[in-house]
Protein backbone atom coordinates (compact mmCIF):
# COMPACT_ATOMS: atom_id res chain seq x y z
CA VAL A 1 97.01 92.18 123.48
CA MET A 2 99.82 89.72 123.89
CA THR A 3 103.26 89.70 122.24
CA ASP A 4 105.51 86.80 121.25
CA HIS A 5 108.71 88.64 122.18
CA PHE A 6 110.71 87.30 125.11
CA PHE A 7 111.98 90.82 125.84
CA PRO A 8 109.24 93.19 124.65
CA ASP A 9 110.78 96.15 126.44
CA ARG A 10 113.73 95.83 124.01
CA TYR A 11 112.21 94.27 120.87
CA LEU A 12 108.61 95.48 120.55
CA TRP A 13 108.10 97.48 117.34
CA GLN A 14 111.74 97.29 116.28
CA TYR A 15 112.02 97.47 112.48
CA TRP A 16 114.30 94.40 112.31
CA ALA A 17 111.94 92.08 114.22
CA ARG A 18 109.57 89.80 112.33
CA PRO A 19 106.20 91.61 112.12
CA GLU A 20 104.23 88.57 113.32
CA GLU A 21 106.08 88.65 116.66
CA HIS A 22 104.75 92.03 117.81
CA ILE A 23 101.07 91.25 118.44
CA ASN A 24 99.84 87.72 118.96
CA THR A 25 96.43 87.71 117.31
CA GLY A 26 95.50 84.56 119.19
CA PHE A 27 94.80 86.79 122.18
CA ILE A 28 93.18 90.19 121.73
CA PHE A 29 91.08 91.36 124.66
CA VAL A 30 89.42 94.69 124.20
CA ARG A 31 86.29 96.57 125.07
CA ALA A 32 85.49 97.71 121.58
CA SER A 33 85.04 101.45 121.64
CA PRO A 34 83.70 102.87 118.40
CA ARG A 35 87.30 103.71 117.33
CA VAL A 36 88.59 100.21 118.08
CA GLU A 37 85.61 98.60 116.39
CA ALA A 38 86.16 100.78 113.31
CA PHE A 39 89.88 99.89 113.30
CA LEU A 40 89.25 96.13 113.46
CA THR A 41 86.43 96.37 110.92
CA GLU A 42 88.73 98.25 108.53
CA PHE A 43 91.32 95.48 108.82
CA LEU A 44 88.77 92.73 108.22
CA GLU A 45 87.25 94.56 105.24
CA GLU A 46 90.67 95.29 103.74
CA HIS A 47 91.66 91.62 104.05
CA ALA A 48 88.37 89.90 103.28
CA GLU A 49 89.56 87.83 100.33
CA PRO A 50 89.39 84.09 101.10
CA SER A 51 92.44 83.31 98.97
CA ILE A 52 95.41 84.98 97.34
CA ASP A 53 96.46 83.57 93.97
CA GLY A 54 94.41 80.44 94.70
CA ILE A 55 95.99 79.82 98.10
CA LEU A 56 93.53 79.83 101.00
CA ARG A 57 94.46 82.29 103.69
CA HIS A 58 93.64 82.51 107.34
CA TRP A 59 91.10 85.25 108.07
CA MET A 60 93.26 86.78 110.81
CA ASP A 61 96.77 86.36 109.47
CA GLN A 62 99.06 87.51 112.28
CA GLN A 63 101.78 88.94 110.04
CA VAL A 64 99.27 90.85 107.93
CA PHE A 65 97.54 92.23 111.04
CA ASN A 66 100.84 93.38 112.55
CA LYS A 67 101.82 95.14 109.32
CA PHE A 68 98.39 96.82 109.31
CA VAL A 69 98.93 98.00 112.91
CA MET A 70 102.48 99.18 112.18
CA ARG A 71 101.26 101.12 109.15
CA ARG A 72 98.82 102.94 111.43
CA MET A 73 101.55 103.60 113.99
CA HIS A 74 104.16 105.02 111.66
CA HIS A 75 102.39 106.36 108.58
CA ALA A 76 99.08 107.80 109.73
CA GLU A 77 98.36 111.50 109.89
CA SER A 78 97.04 111.08 113.43
CA ASP A 79 97.98 108.83 116.33
CA GLU A 80 95.68 105.91 115.52
CA VAL A 81 97.77 103.34 117.39
CA HIS A 82 100.06 103.63 120.40
CA GLY A 83 102.53 100.82 121.06
CA LEU A 84 103.15 100.74 124.81
CA TYR A 85 104.60 98.02 126.97
CA GLY A 86 104.38 97.61 130.73
CA GLN A 87 101.93 100.42 131.35
């Protein structure tokens, strides 16, 4: 995936950064293993509503997706997501 940070080695996954800056959902390239497919499917199913309080929402809201990823990084019982840069 791509990030919007100018200095990802310093800013990626920092708590004070805006969540939508971490992963740019405009570019996700992946060979969908069963785990990755299940992860993306879970996100899409969890956020399937076409509107919130009458306001239409984008189906792949970047801020919502990043918060979903961060929740899996920091609050899951297992290592579902690894945030690496430059590897």
